[in-house]
Amino acid sequence: MPKMKTKSGAKKRFRFTATGKAKHGVVGKRHGMSKRSNRFLRQQTGMSVMSDPDTRIIKRNFFPYER
């Protein structure tokens, strides 16, 4: 049986920490910045860690060899 492939869209959207938690880019910074507060924009920089149930879903469905 051939190897399973990782979803290419998931490769671009998620990274994993050394302990196996999933990180994703924060939402809300694509457009419409003028209506958002400066505090909100500052807090939305970088990556954030996903919850454990969401991490399980990501690993099971999109990353077949990430365990």
PDB file of N, CA and C in Angstrom:
ATOM      1  N   MET A   1       0.835  -1.176   0.000  1.00  0.00           N
ATOM      2  CA  MET A   1       0.000   0.000   0.000  1.00  0.00           C
ATOM      3  C   MET A   1       0.885   1.247   0.000  1.00  0.00           C
ATOM      4  N   PRO A   2       0.547   2.267  -0.812  1.00  0.00           N
ATOM      5  CA  PRO A   2       1.397   3.460  -0.875  1.00  0.00           C
ATOM      6  C   PRO A   2       1.311   4.297   0.390  1.00  0.00           C
ATOM      7  N   LYS A   3       2.268   5.186   0.515  1.00  0.00           N
ATOM      8  CA  LYS A   3       2.278   6.083   1.663  1.00  0.00           C
ATOM      9  C   LYS A   3       1.080   7.030   1.606  1.00  0.00           C
ATOM     10  N   MET A   4       0.590   7.409   2.783  1.00  0.00           N
ATOM     11  CA  MET A   4      -0.481   8.400   2.848  1.00  0.00           C
ATOM     12  C   MET A   4       0.136   9.786   2.716  1.00  0.00           C
ATOM     13  N   LYS A   5      -0.599  10.679   2.093  1.00  0.00           N
ATOM     14  CA  LYS A   5      -0.079  12.023   1.889  1.00  0.00           C
ATOM     15  C   LYS A   5      -0.640  12.989   2.933  1.00  0.00           C
ATOM     16  N   THR A   6       0.214  13.924   3.349  1.00  0.00           N
ATOM     17  CA  THR A   6      -0.217  15.010   4.205  1.00  0.00           C
ATOM     18  C   THR A   6      -0.987  16.009   3.352  1.00  0.00           C
ATOM     19  N   LYS A   7      -2.072  16.568   3.892  1.00  0.00           N
ATOM     20  CA  LYS A   7      -2.840  17.572   3.157  1.00  0.00           C
ATOM     21  C   LYS A   7      -1.979  18.808   2.947  1.00  0.00           C
ATOM     22  N   SER A   8      -1.814  19.235   1.707  1.00  0.00           N
ATOM     23  CA  SER A   8      -0.882  20.322   1.417  1.00  0.00           C
ATOM     24  C   SER A   8      -1.382  21.650   1.985  1.00  0.00           C
ATOM     25  N   GLY A   9      -2.695  21.839   2.094  1.00  0.00           N
ATOM     26  CA  GLY A   9      -3.206  23.062   2.699  1.00  0.00           C
ATOM     27  C   GLY A   9      -2.910  23.123   4.186  1.00  0.00           C
ATOM     28  N   ALA A  10      -2.916  21.967   4.846  1.00  0.00           N
ATOM     29  CA  ALA A  10      -2.630  21.917   6.278  1.00  0.00           C
ATOM     30  C   ALA A  10      -1.154  22.190   6.554  1.00  0.00           C
ATOM     31  N   LYS A  11      -0.276  21.787   5.649  1.00  0.00           N
ATOM     32  CA  LYS A  11       1.150  22.053   5.831  1.00  0.00           C
ATOM     33  C   LYS A  11       1.414  23.546   5.918  1.00  0.00           C
ATOM     34  N   LYS A  12       0.650  24.328   5.155  1.00  0.00           N
ATOM     35  CA  LYS A  12       0.870  25.767   5.113  1.00  0.00           C
ATOM     36  C   LYS A  12       0.231  26.489   6.294  1.00  0.00           C
ATOM     37  N   ARG A  13      -0.723  25.869   6.971  1.00  0.00           N
ATOM     38  CA  ARG A  13      -1.498  26.557   7.996  1.00  0.00           C
ATOM     39  C   ARG A  13      -1.139  26.186   9.423  1.00  0.00           C
ATOM     40  N   PHE A  14      -0.541  25.035   9.624  1.00  0.00           N
ATOM     41  CA  PHE A  14      -0.297  24.555  10.981  1.00  0.00           C
ATOM     42  C   PHE A  14       1.162  24.182  11.174  1.00  0.00           C
ATOM     43  N   ARG A  15       1.662  24.415  12.390  1.00  0.00           N
ATOM     44  CA  ARG A  15       2.992  23.951  12.812  1.00  0.00           C
ATOM     45  C   ARG A  15       2.787  23.233  14.142  1.00  0.00           C
ATOM     46  N   PHE A  16       3.776  22.426  14.537  1.00  0.00           N
ATOM     47  CA  PHE A  16       3.668  21.697  15.786  1.00  0.00           C
ATOM     48  C   PHE A  16       4.805  22.076  16.719  1.00  0.00           C
ATOM     49  N   THR A  17       4.480  22.160  18.007  1.00  0.00           N
ATOM     50  CA  THR A  17       5.491  22.439  19.013  1.00  0.00           C
ATOM     51  C   THR A  17       6.263  21.157  19.302  1.00  0.00           C
ATOM     52  N   ALA A  18       7.303  21.274  20.111  1.00  0.00           N
ATOM     53  CA  ALA A  18       8.114  20.104  20.452  1.00  0.00           C
ATOM     54  C   ALA A  18       7.324  19.100  21.274  1.00  0.00           C
ATOM     55  N   THR A  19       6.306  19.569  21.992  1.00  0.00           N
ATOM     56  CA  THR A  19       5.496  18.646  22.797  1.00  0.00           C
ATOM     57  C   THR A  19       4.311  18.094  22.024  1.00  0.00           C
ATOM     58  N   GLY A  20       4.138  18.495  20.743  1.00  0.00           N
ATOM     59  CA  GLY A  20       3.087  17.928  19.920  1.00  0.00           C
ATOM     60  C   GLY A  20       1.820  18.749  19.831  1.00  0.00           C
ATOM     61  N   LYS A  21       1.818  19.958  20.380  1.00  0.00           N
ATOM     62  CA  LYS A  21       0.640  20.803  20.269  1.00  0.00           C
ATOM     63  C   LYS A  21       0.657  21.513  18.920  1.00  0.00           C
ATOM     64  N   ALA A  22      -0.529  21.798  18.395  1.00  0.00           N
ATOM     65  CA  ALA A  22      -0.638  22.464  17.100  1.00  0.00           C
ATOM     66  C   ALA A  22      -0.715  23.971  17.288  1.00  0.00           C
ATOM     67  N   LYS A  23      -0.008  24.696  16.417  1.00  0.00           N
ATOM     68  CA  LYS A  23      -0.070  26.155  16.417  1.00  0.00           C
ATOM     69  C   LYS A  23      -0.696  26.596  15.101  1.00  0.00           C
ATOM     70  N   HIS A  24      -1.388  27.728  15.130  1.00  0.00           N
ATOM     71  CA  HIS A  24      -1.978  28.280  13.914  1.00  0.00           C
ATOM     72  C   HIS A  24      -1.859  29.795  13.953  1.00  0.00           C
ATOM     73  N   GLY A  25      -1.923  30.409  12.794  1.00  0.00           N
ATOM     74  CA  GLY A  25      -1.906  31.856  12.735  1.00  0.00           C
ATOM     75  C   GLY A  25      -3.192  32.425  13.286  1.00  0.00           C
ATOM     76  N   VAL A  26      -3.089  33.551  13.963  1.00  0.00           N
ATOM     77  CA  VAL A  26      -4.276  34.133  14.575  1.00  0.00           C
ATOM     78  C   VAL A  26      -5.183  34.713  13.502  1.00  0.00           C
ATOM     79  N   VAL A  27      -6.469  34.750  13.800  1.00  0.00           N
ATOM     80  CA  VAL A  27      -7.464  35.191  12.820  1.00  0.00           C
ATOM     81  C   VAL A  27      -7.764  36.670  12.993  1.00  0.00           C
ATOM     82  N   GLY A  28      -8.323  37.270  11.963  1.00  0.00           N
ATOM     83  CA  GLY A  28      -8.817  38.629  12.057  1.00  0.00           C
ATOM     84  C   GLY A  28      -7.864  39.700  11.583  1.00  0.00           C
ATOM     85  N   LYS A  29      -6.825  39.345  10.793  1.00  0.00           N
ATOM     86  CA  LYS A  29      -5.878  40.363  10.341  1.00  0.00           C
ATOM     87  C   LYS A  29      -5.738  40.391   8.824  1.00  0.00           C
ATOM     88  N   ARG A  30      -6.741  39.961   8.110  1.00  0.00           N
ATOM     89  CA  ARG A  30      -6.639  39.965   6.647  1.00  0.00           C
ATOM     90  C   ARG A  30      -7.106  41.288   6.041  1.00  0.00           C
ATOM     91  N   HIS A  31      -8.176  41.823   6.544  1.00  0.00           N
ATOM     92  CA  HIS A  31      -8.711  43.079   6.011  1.00  0.00           C
ATOM     93  C   HIS A  31      -9.578  43.728   7.079  1.00  0.00           C
ATOM     94  N   GLY A  32      -9.978  44.969   6.834  1.00  0.00           N
ATOM     95  CA  GLY A  32     -10.825  45.682   7.786  1.00  0.00           C
ATOM     96  C   GLY A  32     -10.091  46.104   9.043  1.00  0.00           C
ATOM     97  N   MET A  33      -8.811  46.480   8.916  1.00  0.00           N
ATOM     98  CA  MET A  33      -8.026  46.860  10.098  1.00  0.00           C
ATOM     99  C   MET A  33      -8.502  48.175  10.707  1.00  0.00           C
ATOM    100  N   SER A  34      -9.092  49.036   9.906  1.00  0.00           N
ATOM    101  CA  SER A  34      -9.434  50.363  10.432  1.00  0.00           C
ATOM    102  C   SER A  34     -10.525  50.294  11.494  1.00  0.00           C
ATOM    103  N   LYS A  35     -11.364  49.291  11.442  1.00  0.00           N
ATOM    104  CA  LYS A  35     -12.430  49.184  12.439  1.00  0.00           C
ATOM    105  C   LYS A  35     -11.992  48.435  13.692  1.00  0.00           C
ATOM    106  N   ARG A  36     -10.790  47.896  13.695  1.00  0.00           N
ATOM    107  CA  ARG A  36     -10.306  47.153  14.848  1.00  0.00           C
ATOM    108  C   ARG A  36      -9.401  48.047  15.693  1.00  0.00           C
ATOM    109  N   SER A  37      -9.372  47.792  16.989  1.00  0.00           N
ATOM    110  CA  SER A  37      -8.568  48.630  17.878  1.00  0.00           C
ATOM    111  C   SER A  37      -7.094  48.238  17.772  1.00  0.00           C
ATOM    112  N   ASN A  38      -6.235  49.180  18.151  1.00  0.00           N
ATOM    113  CA  ASN A  38      -4.798  48.912  18.124  1.00  0.00           C
ATOM    114  C   ASN A  38      -4.435  47.790  19.085  1.00  0.00           C
ATOM    115  N   ARG A  39      -5.124  47.721  20.207  1.00  0.00           N
ATOM    116  CA  ARG A  39      -4.873  46.652  21.180  1.00  0.00           C
ATOM    117  C   ARG A  39      -5.188  45.294  20.565  1.00  0.00           C
ATOM    118  N   PHE A  40      -6.294  45.189  19.862  1.00  0.00           N
ATOM    119  CA  PHE A  40      -6.665  43.935  19.203  1.00  0.00           C
ATOM    120  C   PHE A  40      -5.602  43.534  18.181  1.00  0.00           C
ATOM    121  N   LEU A  41      -5.156  44.479  17.371  1.00  0.00           N
ATOM    122  CA  LEU A  41      -4.172  44.170  16.333  1.00  0.00           C
ATOM    123  C   LEU A  41      -2.844  43.726  16.939  1.00  0.00           C
ATOM    124  N   ARG A  42      -2.442  44.352  18.048  1.00  0.00           N
ATOM    125  CA  ARG A  42      -1.210  43.932  18.718  1.00  0.00           C
ATOM    126  C   ARG A  42      -1.338  42.516  19.239  1.00  0.00           C
ATOM    127  N   GLN A  43      -2.489  42.179  19.799  1.00  0.00           N
ATOM    128  CA  GLN A  43      -2.660  40.851  20.381  1.00  0.00           C
ATOM    129  C   GLN A  43      -2.769  39.758  19.319  1.00  0.00           C
ATOM    130  N   GLN A  44      -3.073  40.139  18.084  1.00  0.00           N
ATOM    131  CA  GLN A  44      -3.264  39.153  17.032  1.00  0.00           C
ATOM    132  C   GLN A  44      -1.981  38.836  16.272  1.00  0.00           C
ATOM    133  N   THR A  45      -0.824  39.286  16.722  1.00  0.00           N
ATOM    134  CA  THR A  45       0.413  38.985  16.023  1.00  0.00           C
ATOM    135  C   THR A  45       0.897  37.586  16.394  1.00  0.00           C
ATOM    136  N   GLY A  46       1.641  36.976  15.500  1.00  0.00           N
ATOM    137  CA  GLY A  46       2.273  35.692  15.776  1.00  0.00           C
ATOM    138  C   GLY A  46       1.326  34.518  15.626  1.00  0.00           C
ATOM    139  N   MET A  47       1.605  33.452  16.357  1.00  0.00           N
ATOM    140  CA  MET A  47       0.846  32.220  16.288  1.00  0.00           C
ATOM    141  C   MET A  47       0.215  31.962  17.653  1.00  0.00           C
ATOM    142  N   SER A  48      -0.844  31.165  17.665  1.00  0.00           N
ATOM    143  CA  SER A  48      -1.449  30.767  18.927  1.00  0.00           C
ATOM    144  C   SER A  48      -1.602  29.252  18.944  1.00  0.00           C
ATOM    145  N   VAL A  49      -1.652  28.690  20.145  1.00  0.00           N
ATOM    146  CA  VAL A  49      -1.724  27.242  20.324  1.00  0.00           C
ATOM    147  C   VAL A  49      -3.185  26.808  20.317  1.00  0.00           C
ATOM    148  N   MET A  50      -3.470  25.728  19.613  1.00  0.00           N
ATOM    149  CA  MET A  50      -4.836  25.221  19.528  1.00  0.00           C
ATOM    150  C   MET A  50      -5.169  24.383  20.754  1.00  0.00           C
ATOM    151  N   SER A  51      -6.458  24.190  20.983  1.00  0.00           N
ATOM    152  CA  SER A  51      -6.884  23.357  22.098  1.00  0.00           C
ATOM    153  C   SER A  51      -6.577  21.890  21.800  1.00  0.00           C
ATOM    154  N   ASP A  52      -6.561  21.067  22.835  1.00  0.00           N
ATOM    155  CA  ASP A  52      -6.223  19.656  22.667  1.00  0.00           C
ATOM    156  C   ASP A  52      -7.199  18.906  21.759  1.00  0.00           C
ATOM    157  N   PRO A  53      -8.521  19.088  21.884  1.00  0.00           N
ATOM    158  CA  PRO A  53      -9.415  18.375  20.967  1.00  0.00           C
ATOM    159  C   PRO A  53      -9.208  18.772  19.513  1.00  0.00           C
ATOM    160  N   ASP A  54      -8.956  20.064  19.259  1.00  0.00           N
ATOM    161  CA  ASP A  54      -8.705  20.502  17.888  1.00  0.00           C
ATOM    162  C   ASP A  54      -7.388  19.949  17.362  1.00  0.00           C
ATOM    163  N   THR A  55      -6.378  19.880  18.222  1.00  0.00           N
ATOM    164  CA  THR A  55      -5.099  19.310  17.814  1.00  0.00           C
ATOM    165  C   THR A  55      -5.252  17.853  17.421  1.00  0.00           C
ATOM    166  N   ARG A  56      -6.056  17.111  18.181  1.00  0.00           N
ATOM    167  CA  ARG A  56      -6.298  15.706  17.836  1.00  0.00           C
ATOM    168  C   ARG A  56      -6.944  15.573  16.464  1.00  0.00           C
ATOM    169  N   ILE A  57      -7.896  16.438  16.163  1.00  0.00           N
ATOM    170  CA  ILE A  57      -8.570  16.393  14.863  1.00  0.00           C
ATOM    171  C   ILE A  57      -7.588  16.701  13.740  1.00  0.00           C
ATOM    172  N   ILE A  58      -6.760  17.713  13.934  1.00  0.00           N
ATOM    173  CA  ILE A  58      -5.787  18.105  12.918  1.00  0.00           C
ATOM    174  C   ILE A  58      -4.810  16.967  12.654  1.00  0.00           C
ATOM    175  N   LYS A  59      -4.282  16.364  13.709  1.00  0.00           N
ATOM    176  CA  LYS A  59      -3.307  15.288  13.530  1.00  0.00           C
ATOM    177  C   LYS A  59      -3.923  14.073  12.855  1.00  0.00           C
ATOM    178  N   ARG A  60      -5.126  13.714  13.265  1.00  0.00           N
ATOM    179  CA  ARG A  60      -5.754  12.501  12.746  1.00  0.00           C
ATOM    180  C   ARG A  60      -6.140  12.637  11.277  1.00  0.00           C
ATOM    181  N   ASN A  61      -6.649  13.809  10.894  1.00  0.00           N
ATOM    182  CA  ASN A  61      -7.203  13.946   9.553  1.00  0.00           C
ATOM    183  C   ASN A  61      -6.233  14.494   8.517  1.00  0.00           C
ATOM    184  N   PHE A  62      -5.278  15.338   8.935  1.00  0.00           N
ATOM    185  CA  PHE A  62      -4.452  16.023   7.955  1.00  0.00           C
ATOM    186  C   PHE A  62      -2.983  15.636   7.975  1.00  0.00           C
ATOM    187  N   PHE A  63      -2.487  15.121   9.099  1.00  0.00           N
ATOM    188  CA  PHE A  63      -1.084  14.758   9.227  1.00  0.00           C
ATOM    189  C   PHE A  63      -0.994  13.292   9.624  1.00  0.00           C
ATOM    190  N   PRO A  64      -1.025  12.371   8.688  1.00  0.00           N
ATOM    191  CA  PRO A  64      -1.104  10.951   9.046  1.00  0.00           C
ATOM    192  C   PRO A  64       0.130  10.427   9.789  1.00  0.00           C
ATOM    193  N   TYR A  65       1.290  11.053   9.625  1.00  0.00           N
ATOM    194  CA  TYR A  65       2.500  10.537  10.269  1.00  0.00           C
ATOM    195  C   TYR A  65       2.961  11.378  11.438  1.00  0.00           C
ATOM    196  N   GLU A  66       2.220  12.399  11.802  1.00  0.00           N
ATOM    197  CA  GLU A  66       2.551  13.226  12.967  1.00  0.00           C
ATOM    198  C   GLU A  66       1.889  12.640  14.189  1.00  0.00           C
ATOM    199  N   ARG A  67       2.649  11.985  15.046  1.00  0.00           N
ATOM    200  CA  ARG A  67       2.057  11.358  16.229  1.00  0.00           C
ATOM    201  C   ARG A  67       2.774  11.747  17.485  1.00  0.00           C
TER     202      ARG A  67
END
